[in-house]
Amino acid sequence: MGNTINDLLYKVKPSPYGRCMNNLRLPLQTNGAFSVLSGVLLTAAPDTVAGWLGLEPTVLIRLFGVVLLGHGLLLFWSAARSNPRPLASMNLLAIAPYPFAMTALAATGLVDTGLGRVLVLADGAIIAAMALWQWRSLRDTDVSPAAVAA
């Protein structure tokens, strides 16, 4: 009778890929949810978003929304895999420059409304936080050499 309530409630199956991959799944799922929600907004209401940002043409905003929808679904699929590390690493490489791009958009005046600059900078800050979270989760989730060889 060596099992305590905590052992039963918080029992996590060991992963052949090292420490618990749940530490990596949550940031991927959060990034996926943000991408899907942003993608829905950009795809469904590109004219509204274009008005907020002071941008044209709206077809590019809608296209970016579709890309974000695909990105979010890929992240959810990746988080469900037994070893999400390879796709999480690629995602980190893809999103790491994004905050700098958003800062450049705001600084160069391409986004010419005050609301648009605030939204672009807030979006960049959110993605920067997600990138940092994913980087820390990747760093803290080790992979044994035997798992890589399998």
N, C-alpha and C. Protein backbone atom coordinates (compact mmCIF):
# COMPACT_ATOMS: atom_id res chain seq x y z
N MET A 1 0.83 -1.18 0.00
CA MET A 1 0.00 0.00 0.00
C MET A 1 0.88 1.25 0.00
N GLY A 2 1.92 1.25 -0.79
CA GLY A 2 2.87 2.35 -0.81
C GLY A 2 2.39 3.57 -1.59
N ASN A 3 1.23 3.47 -2.25
CA ASN A 3 0.74 4.61 -3.03
C ASN A 3 0.00 5.60 -2.13
N THR A 4 0.39 6.85 -2.24
CA THR A 4 -0.34 7.89 -1.53
C THR A 4 -1.34 8.50 -2.50
N ILE A 5 -2.21 9.36 -1.95
CA ILE A 5 -3.19 10.05 -2.80
C ILE A 5 -2.46 10.85 -3.88
N ASN A 6 -1.40 11.54 -3.51
CA ASN A 6 -0.66 12.33 -4.49
C ASN A 6 -0.08 11.45 -5.59
N ASP A 7 0.43 10.26 -5.23
CA ASP A 7 0.96 9.35 -6.24
C ASP A 7 -0.12 8.94 -7.22
N LEU A 8 -1.34 8.70 -6.72
CA LEU A 8 -2.43 8.27 -7.58
C LEU A 8 -2.96 9.42 -8.43
N LEU A 9 -3.06 10.61 -7.83
CA LEU A 9 -3.61 11.75 -8.56
C LEU A 9 -2.65 12.30 -9.61
N TYR A 10 -1.38 12.27 -9.33
CA TYR A 10 -0.41 12.93 -10.20
C TYR A 10 0.52 11.94 -10.88
N LYS A 11 0.04 10.72 -11.06
CA LYS A 11 0.85 9.70 -11.70
C LYS A 11 1.03 10.04 -13.18
N VAL A 12 2.26 10.11 -13.60
CA VAL A 12 2.58 10.43 -14.98
C VAL A 12 3.37 9.26 -15.54
N LYS A 13 2.94 8.78 -16.69
CA LYS A 13 3.65 7.68 -17.31
C LYS A 13 5.04 8.14 -17.73
N PRO A 14 6.05 7.33 -17.46
CA PRO A 14 7.38 7.73 -17.89
C PRO A 14 7.47 7.72 -19.41
N SER A 15 8.24 8.61 -19.93
CA SER A 15 8.41 8.71 -21.37
C SER A 15 9.77 8.13 -21.75
N PRO A 16 9.86 7.41 -22.86
CA PRO A 16 11.16 6.91 -23.28
C PRO A 16 12.06 8.05 -23.74
N TYR A 17 11.52 9.25 -23.85
CA TYR A 17 12.29 10.38 -24.34
C TYR A 17 12.83 11.26 -23.23
N GLY A 18 13.04 10.71 -22.05
CA GLY A 18 13.60 11.50 -20.97
C GLY A 18 12.52 12.00 -20.03
N ARG A 19 12.78 13.15 -19.42
CA ARG A 19 11.83 13.69 -18.46
C ARG A 19 10.48 13.96 -19.10
N CYS A 20 9.50 14.13 -18.28
CA CYS A 20 8.11 14.27 -18.70
C CYS A 20 7.94 15.28 -19.82
N MET A 21 7.34 14.84 -20.92
CA MET A 21 7.13 15.71 -22.08
C MET A 21 5.96 16.67 -21.85
N ASN A 22 5.21 16.50 -20.73
CA ASN A 22 4.10 17.41 -20.46
C ASN A 22 4.60 18.84 -20.27
N ASN A 23 5.84 19.00 -19.81
CA ASN A 23 6.41 20.33 -19.66
C ASN A 23 6.55 21.04 -21.00
N LEU A 24 6.63 20.30 -22.06
CA LEU A 24 6.76 20.87 -23.40
C LEU A 24 5.40 20.98 -24.09
N ARG A 25 4.47 20.12 -23.73
CA ARG A 25 3.17 20.12 -24.40
C ARG A 25 2.36 21.39 -24.13
N LEU A 26 2.36 21.87 -22.90
CA LEU A 26 1.54 23.03 -22.55
C LEU A 26 1.95 24.29 -23.33
N PRO A 27 3.24 24.61 -23.43
CA PRO A 27 3.58 25.78 -24.25
C PRO A 27 3.21 25.61 -25.73
N LEU A 28 3.34 24.39 -26.25
CA LEU A 28 2.94 24.15 -27.64
C LEU A 28 1.43 24.32 -27.82
N GLN A 29 0.66 23.80 -26.88
CA GLN A 29 -0.80 23.93 -26.97
C GLN A 29 -1.23 25.38 -26.80
N THR A 30 -0.56 26.12 -25.92
CA THR A 30 -0.89 27.53 -25.73
C THR A 30 -0.57 28.33 -26.98
N ASN A 31 0.59 28.08 -27.56
CA ASN A 31 0.97 28.73 -28.82
C ASN A 31 -0.01 28.35 -29.92
N GLY A 32 -0.41 27.07 -29.94
CA GLY A 32 -1.38 26.62 -30.93
C GLY A 32 -2.72 27.31 -30.78
N ALA A 33 -3.18 27.45 -29.55
CA ALA A 33 -4.47 28.11 -29.30
C ALA A 33 -4.42 29.58 -29.73
N PHE A 34 -3.32 30.26 -29.41
CA PHE A 34 -3.18 31.66 -29.80
C PHE A 34 -3.14 31.79 -31.33
N SER A 35 -2.45 30.87 -31.98
CA SER A 35 -2.38 30.90 -33.45
C SER A 35 -3.74 30.66 -34.08
N VAL A 36 -4.47 29.68 -33.56
CA VAL A 36 -5.80 29.39 -34.11
C VAL A 36 -6.75 30.57 -33.90
N LEU A 37 -6.77 31.13 -32.69
CA LEU A 37 -7.65 32.27 -32.42
C LEU A 37 -7.29 33.47 -33.30
N SER A 38 -6.00 33.74 -33.43
CA SER A 38 -5.56 34.85 -34.29
C SER A 38 -5.91 34.55 -35.74
N GLY A 39 -5.71 33.31 -36.16
CA GLY A 39 -6.03 32.91 -37.53
C GLY A 39 -7.50 33.06 -37.85
N VAL A 40 -8.36 32.69 -36.90
CA VAL A 40 -9.80 32.84 -37.10
C VAL A 40 -10.15 34.31 -37.26
N LEU A 41 -9.60 35.16 -36.40
CA LEU A 41 -9.89 36.60 -36.49
C LEU A 41 -9.42 37.18 -37.83
N LEU A 42 -8.19 36.86 -38.22
CA LEU A 42 -7.65 37.42 -39.46
C LEU A 42 -8.36 36.88 -40.69
N THR A 43 -8.80 35.63 -40.64
CA THR A 43 -9.48 35.03 -41.79
C THR A 43 -10.93 35.50 -41.89
N ALA A 44 -11.59 35.62 -40.74
CA ALA A 44 -13.01 35.96 -40.75
C ALA A 44 -13.27 37.46 -40.89
N ALA A 45 -12.35 38.27 -40.39
CA ALA A 45 -12.59 39.73 -40.38
C ALA A 45 -11.37 40.51 -40.86
N PRO A 46 -10.87 40.22 -42.06
CA PRO A 46 -9.66 40.92 -42.50
C PRO A 46 -9.85 42.42 -42.70
N ASP A 47 -11.05 42.84 -43.09
CA ASP A 47 -11.30 44.27 -43.28
C ASP A 47 -11.23 45.02 -41.94
N THR A 48 -11.79 44.43 -40.91
CA THR A 48 -11.74 45.05 -39.58
C THR A 48 -10.31 45.16 -39.09
N VAL A 49 -9.55 44.07 -39.22
CA VAL A 49 -8.16 44.07 -38.78
C VAL A 49 -7.35 45.08 -39.60
N ALA A 50 -7.61 45.14 -40.88
CA ALA A 50 -6.91 46.11 -41.74
C ALA A 50 -7.20 47.53 -41.28
N GLY A 51 -8.42 47.80 -40.87
CA GLY A 51 -8.77 49.12 -40.34
C GLY A 51 -8.03 49.45 -39.07
N TRP A 52 -7.92 48.45 -38.17
CA TRP A 52 -7.18 48.67 -36.93
C TRP A 52 -5.72 48.99 -37.20
N LEU A 53 -5.14 48.27 -38.18
CA LEU A 53 -3.71 48.41 -38.45
C LEU A 53 -3.39 49.51 -39.45
N GLY A 54 -4.40 49.95 -40.19
CA GLY A 54 -4.16 50.93 -41.25
C GLY A 54 -3.44 50.31 -42.42
N LEU A 55 -3.75 49.06 -42.71
CA LEU A 55 -3.07 48.32 -43.78
C LEU A 55 -4.02 47.96 -44.91
N GLU A 56 -3.47 47.77 -46.07
CA GLU A 56 -4.15 47.21 -47.24
C GLU A 56 -3.13 46.31 -47.91
N PRO A 57 -3.40 45.39 -48.67
CA PRO A 57 -4.71 44.83 -48.99
C PRO A 57 -5.12 43.78 -47.96
N THR A 58 -6.38 43.62 -47.82
CA THR A 58 -6.90 42.68 -46.84
C THR A 58 -6.68 41.23 -47.25
N VAL A 59 -6.42 40.99 -48.52
CA VAL A 59 -6.18 39.61 -48.96
C VAL A 59 -4.92 39.05 -48.28
N LEU A 60 -3.92 39.89 -48.03
CA LEU A 60 -2.72 39.42 -47.33
C LEU A 60 -3.01 39.11 -45.87
N ILE A 61 -3.88 39.89 -45.27
CA ILE A 61 -4.27 39.63 -43.88
C ILE A 61 -5.01 38.30 -43.79
N ARG A 62 -5.92 38.07 -44.73
CA ARG A 62 -6.65 36.79 -44.75
C ARG A 62 -5.69 35.62 -44.99
N LEU A 63 -4.74 35.78 -45.90
CA LEU A 63 -3.75 34.73 -46.17
C LEU A 63 -2.92 34.44 -44.92
N PHE A 64 -2.50 35.47 -44.22
CA PHE A 64 -1.76 35.27 -42.97
C PHE A 64 -2.62 34.54 -41.95
N GLY A 65 -3.91 34.84 -41.92
CA GLY A 65 -4.82 34.13 -41.02
C GLY A 65 -4.89 32.65 -41.33
N VAL A 66 -4.95 32.30 -42.60
CA VAL A 66 -4.97 30.89 -42.99
C VAL A 66 -3.66 30.20 -42.58
N VAL A 67 -2.55 30.89 -42.76
CA VAL A 67 -1.25 30.34 -42.34
C VAL A 67 -1.24 30.10 -40.83
N LEU A 68 -1.77 31.06 -40.08
CA LEU A 68 -1.82 30.90 -38.62
C LEU A 68 -2.72 29.74 -38.21
N LEU A 69 -3.83 29.54 -38.90
CA LEU A 69 -4.69 28.39 -38.60
C LEU A 69 -3.91 27.08 -38.80
N GLY A 70 -3.21 26.97 -39.90
CA GLY A 70 -2.40 25.77 -40.15
C GLY A 70 -1.30 25.61 -39.11
N HIS A 71 -0.67 26.71 -38.74
CA HIS A 71 0.39 26.67 -37.73
C HIS A 71 -0.17 26.17 -36.40
N GLY A 72 -1.32 26.69 -36.00
CA GLY A 72 -1.92 26.26 -34.75
C GLY A 72 -2.28 24.78 -34.74
N LEU A 73 -2.85 24.31 -35.85
CA LEU A 73 -3.21 22.89 -35.93
C LEU A 73 -1.97 22.00 -35.90
N LEU A 74 -0.90 22.44 -36.55
CA LEU A 74 0.36 21.70 -36.51
C LEU A 74 0.92 21.62 -35.09
N LEU A 75 0.78 22.71 -34.34
CA LEU A 75 1.26 22.70 -32.96
C LEU A 75 0.45 21.74 -32.08
N PHE A 76 -0.87 21.72 -32.27
CA PHE A 76 -1.69 20.77 -31.51
C PHE A 76 -1.31 19.33 -31.87
N TRP A 77 -1.09 19.06 -33.14
CA TRP A 77 -0.68 17.72 -33.57
C TRP A 77 0.67 17.37 -32.97
N SER A 78 1.59 18.32 -32.99
CA SER A 78 2.92 18.09 -32.43
C SER A 78 2.86 17.80 -30.94
N ALA A 79 2.04 18.55 -30.22
CA ALA A 79 1.93 18.36 -28.77
C ALA A 79 1.35 16.99 -28.42
N ALA A 80 0.59 16.39 -29.33
CA ALA A 80 -0.02 15.08 -29.06
C ALA A 80 0.94 13.92 -29.35
N ARG A 81 2.06 14.21 -29.98
CA ARG A 81 3.01 13.14 -30.31
C ARG A 81 3.77 12.70 -29.06
N SER A 82 4.32 11.48 -29.08
CA SER A 82 5.06 11.00 -27.93
C SER A 82 6.34 11.80 -27.71
N ASN A 83 6.94 12.30 -28.77
CA ASN A 83 8.13 13.15 -28.66
C ASN A 83 7.91 14.42 -29.48
N PRO A 84 7.40 15.48 -28.85
CA PRO A 84 7.15 16.71 -29.59
C PRO A 84 8.40 17.57 -29.79
N ARG A 85 9.55 17.14 -29.28
CA ARG A 85 10.76 17.98 -29.33
C ARG A 85 11.17 18.42 -30.73
N PRO A 86 11.23 17.55 -31.73
CA PRO A 86 11.71 18.02 -33.04
C PRO A 86 10.85 19.14 -33.62
N LEU A 87 9.54 18.98 -33.57
CA LEU A 87 8.68 20.03 -34.10
C LEU A 87 8.66 21.25 -33.20
N ALA A 88 8.81 21.06 -31.90
CA ALA A 88 8.89 22.20 -30.98
C ALA A 88 10.15 23.02 -31.27
N SER A 89 11.25 22.34 -31.57
CA SER A 89 12.48 23.05 -31.91
C SER A 89 12.32 23.85 -33.20
N MET A 90 11.69 23.25 -34.20
CA MET A 90 11.46 23.96 -35.46
C MET A 90 10.51 25.15 -35.24
N ASN A 91 9.50 24.95 -34.40
CA ASN A 91 8.58 26.04 -34.12
C ASN A 91 9.31 27.20 -33.43
N LEU A 92 10.18 26.88 -32.50
CA LEU A 92 10.93 27.92 -31.82
C LEU A 92 11.78 28.72 -32.81
N LEU A 93 12.41 28.03 -33.73
CA LEU A 93 13.19 28.74 -34.76
C LEU A 93 12.29 29.62 -35.63
N ALA A 94 11.07 29.19 -35.86
CA ALA A 94 10.15 29.96 -36.70
C ALA A 94 9.60 31.18 -35.98
N ILE A 95 9.31 31.06 -34.69
CA ILE A 95 8.67 32.18 -33.99
C ILE A 95 9.65 33.13 -33.32
N ALA A 96 10.89 32.71 -33.10
CA ALA A 96 11.85 33.57 -32.40
C ALA A 96 12.05 34.93 -33.08
N PRO A 97 12.13 35.01 -34.42
CA PRO A 97 12.32 36.33 -35.04
C PRO A 97 11.04 37.18 -35.10
N TYR A 98 9.90 36.58 -34.86
CA TYR A 98 8.61 37.26 -35.01
C TYR A 98 8.50 38.55 -34.17
N PRO A 99 8.90 38.53 -32.89
CA PRO A 99 8.80 39.78 -32.12
C PRO A 99 9.62 40.92 -32.73
N PHE A 100 10.77 40.59 -33.31
CA PHE A 100 11.59 41.62 -33.95
C PHE A 100 10.89 42.17 -35.20
N ALA A 101 10.21 41.30 -35.92
CA ALA A 101 9.46 41.74 -37.10
C ALA A 101 8.32 42.66 -36.70
N MET A 102 7.64 42.35 -35.61
CA MET A 102 6.54 43.19 -35.15
C MET A 102 7.05 44.55 -34.67
N THR A 103 8.19 44.54 -34.00
CA THR A 103 8.80 45.80 -33.57
C THR A 103 9.18 46.64 -34.78
N ALA A 104 9.73 46.00 -35.80
CA ALA A 104 10.10 46.71 -37.02
C ALA A 104 8.87 47.29 -37.72
N LEU A 105 7.77 46.53 -37.74
CA LEU A 105 6.52 47.04 -38.33
C LEU A 105 6.06 48.31 -37.63
N ALA A 106 6.12 48.29 -36.31
CA ALA A 106 5.69 49.46 -35.55
C ALA A 106 6.66 50.63 -35.71
N ALA A 107 7.95 50.33 -35.74
CA ALA A 107 8.96 51.40 -35.79
C ALA A 107 9.06 52.06 -37.16
N THR A 108 8.84 51.31 -38.23
CA THR A 108 9.00 51.86 -39.57
C THR A 108 7.80 52.65 -40.05
N GLY A 109 6.70 52.56 -39.35
CA GLY A 109 5.51 53.29 -39.76
C GLY A 109 4.66 52.55 -40.77
N LEU A 110 4.99 51.30 -41.08
CA LEU A 110 4.15 50.52 -41.99
C LEU A 110 2.76 50.32 -41.40
N VAL A 111 2.70 50.20 -40.09
CA VAL A 111 1.43 50.19 -39.38
C VAL A 111 1.24 51.62 -38.90
N ASP A 112 0.29 52.33 -39.51
CA ASP A 112 0.25 53.78 -39.28
C ASP A 112 -0.85 54.28 -38.35
N THR A 113 -1.48 53.39 -37.61
CA THR A 113 -2.45 53.85 -36.61
C THR A 113 -1.90 53.57 -35.22
N GLY A 114 -2.30 54.39 -34.27
CA GLY A 114 -1.85 54.17 -32.89
C GLY A 114 -2.31 52.83 -32.35
N LEU A 115 -3.57 52.50 -32.61
CA LEU A 115 -4.11 51.21 -32.18
C LEU A 115 -3.34 50.07 -32.83
N GLY A 116 -3.05 50.22 -34.12
CA GLY A 116 -2.31 49.18 -34.84
C GLY A 116 -0.94 48.95 -34.25
N ARG A 117 -0.22 50.04 -33.90
CA ARG A 117 1.11 49.88 -33.30
C ARG A 117 1.02 49.16 -31.96
N VAL A 118 0.01 49.52 -31.16
CA VAL A 118 -0.17 48.86 -29.86
C VAL A 118 -0.46 47.37 -30.07
N LEU A 119 -1.35 47.05 -31.02
CA LEU A 119 -1.70 45.64 -31.27
C LEU A 119 -0.50 44.85 -31.79
N VAL A 120 0.27 45.45 -32.69
CA VAL A 120 1.43 44.76 -33.26
C VAL A 120 2.49 44.53 -32.18
N LEU A 121 2.74 45.53 -31.35
CA LEU A 121 3.73 45.37 -30.28
C LEU A 121 3.25 44.37 -29.22
N ALA A 122 1.96 44.39 -28.90
CA ALA A 122 1.42 43.42 -27.94
C ALA A 122 1.52 42.00 -28.50
N ASP A 123 1.21 41.84 -29.78
CA ASP A 123 1.33 40.53 -30.43
C ASP A 123 2.78 40.05 -30.37
N GLY A 124 3.72 40.93 -30.67
CA GLY A 124 5.13 40.57 -30.61
C GLY A 124 5.56 40.18 -29.21
N ALA A 125 5.04 40.90 -28.20
CA ALA A 125 5.40 40.58 -26.81
C ALA A 125 4.83 39.23 -26.39
N ILE A 126 3.60 38.93 -26.81
CA ILE A 126 2.99 37.63 -26.49
C ILE A 126 3.80 36.50 -27.12
N ILE A 127 4.18 36.67 -28.39
CA ILE A 127 4.97 35.63 -29.06
C ILE A 127 6.36 35.51 -28.45
N ALA A 128 6.94 36.63 -28.03
CA ALA A 128 8.25 36.57 -27.35
C ALA A 128 8.14 35.75 -26.07
N ALA A 129 7.07 35.96 -25.30
CA ALA A 129 6.87 35.20 -24.06
C ALA A 129 6.69 33.71 -24.37
N MET A 130 5.94 33.41 -25.43
CA MET A 130 5.75 32.00 -25.81
C MET A 130 7.05 31.37 -26.28
N ALA A 131 7.84 32.12 -27.02
CA ALA A 131 9.13 31.59 -27.48
C ALA A 131 10.05 31.32 -26.30
N LEU A 132 10.08 32.21 -25.34
CA LEU A 132 10.89 32.00 -24.15
C LEU A 132 10.41 30.78 -23.36
N TRP A 133 9.10 30.64 -23.23
CA TRP A 133 8.52 29.49 -22.53
C TRP A 133 8.89 28.19 -23.23
N GLN A 134 8.78 28.18 -24.55
CA GLN A 134 9.13 26.97 -25.30
C GLN A 134 10.63 26.68 -25.21
N TRP A 135 11.45 27.71 -25.26
CA TRP A 135 12.90 27.50 -25.15
C TRP A 135 13.25 26.91 -23.79
N ARG A 136 12.66 27.45 -22.73
CA ARG A 136 12.93 26.92 -21.39
C ARG A 136 12.42 25.48 -21.26
N SER A 137 11.27 25.20 -21.83
CA SER A 137 10.72 23.84 -21.77
C SER A 137 11.59 22.87 -22.55
N LEU A 138 12.08 23.28 -23.70
CA LEU A 138 13.00 22.42 -24.47
C LEU A 138 14.28 22.17 -23.69
N ARG A 139 14.79 23.20 -23.08
CA ARG A 139 16.03 23.09 -22.31
C ARG A 139 15.85 22.18 -21.10
N ASP A 140 14.67 22.26 -20.46
CA ASP A 140 14.43 21.50 -19.24
C ASP A 140 13.94 20.08 -19.49
N THR A 141 13.62 19.73 -20.72
CA THR A 141 13.15 18.40 -21.06
C THR A 141 14.27 17.68 -21.78
N ASP A 142 14.94 16.80 -21.08
CA ASP A 142 16.08 16.13 -21.68
C ASP A 142 15.65 14.91 -22.48
N VAL A 143 16.52 14.49 -23.36
CA VAL A 143 16.27 13.31 -24.18
C VAL A 143 17.44 12.37 -24.01
N SER A 144 17.14 11.13 -23.66
CA SER A 144 18.22 10.16 -23.47
C SER A 144 18.74 9.70 -24.83
N PRO A 145 20.04 9.40 -24.91
CA PRO A 145 20.60 8.91 -26.18
C PRO A 145 19.92 7.63 -26.68
N ALA A 146 19.48 6.77 -25.75
CA ALA A 146 18.80 5.54 -26.16
C ALA A 146 17.48 5.83 -26.87
N ALA A 147 16.80 6.88 -26.42
CA ALA A 147 15.51 7.24 -27.05
C ALA A 147 15.72 7.78 -28.45
N VAL A 148 16.80 8.52 -28.64
CA VAL A 148 17.08 9.07 -29.95
C VAL A 148 17.41 7.95 -30.94
N ALA A 149 18.12 6.94 -30.47
CA ALA A 149 18.51 5.83 -31.32
C ALA A 149 17.34 4.93 -31.68
N ALA A 150 16.30 4.94 -30.83
CA ALA A 150 15.15 4.05 -31.05
C ALA A 150 14.30 4.47 -32.20
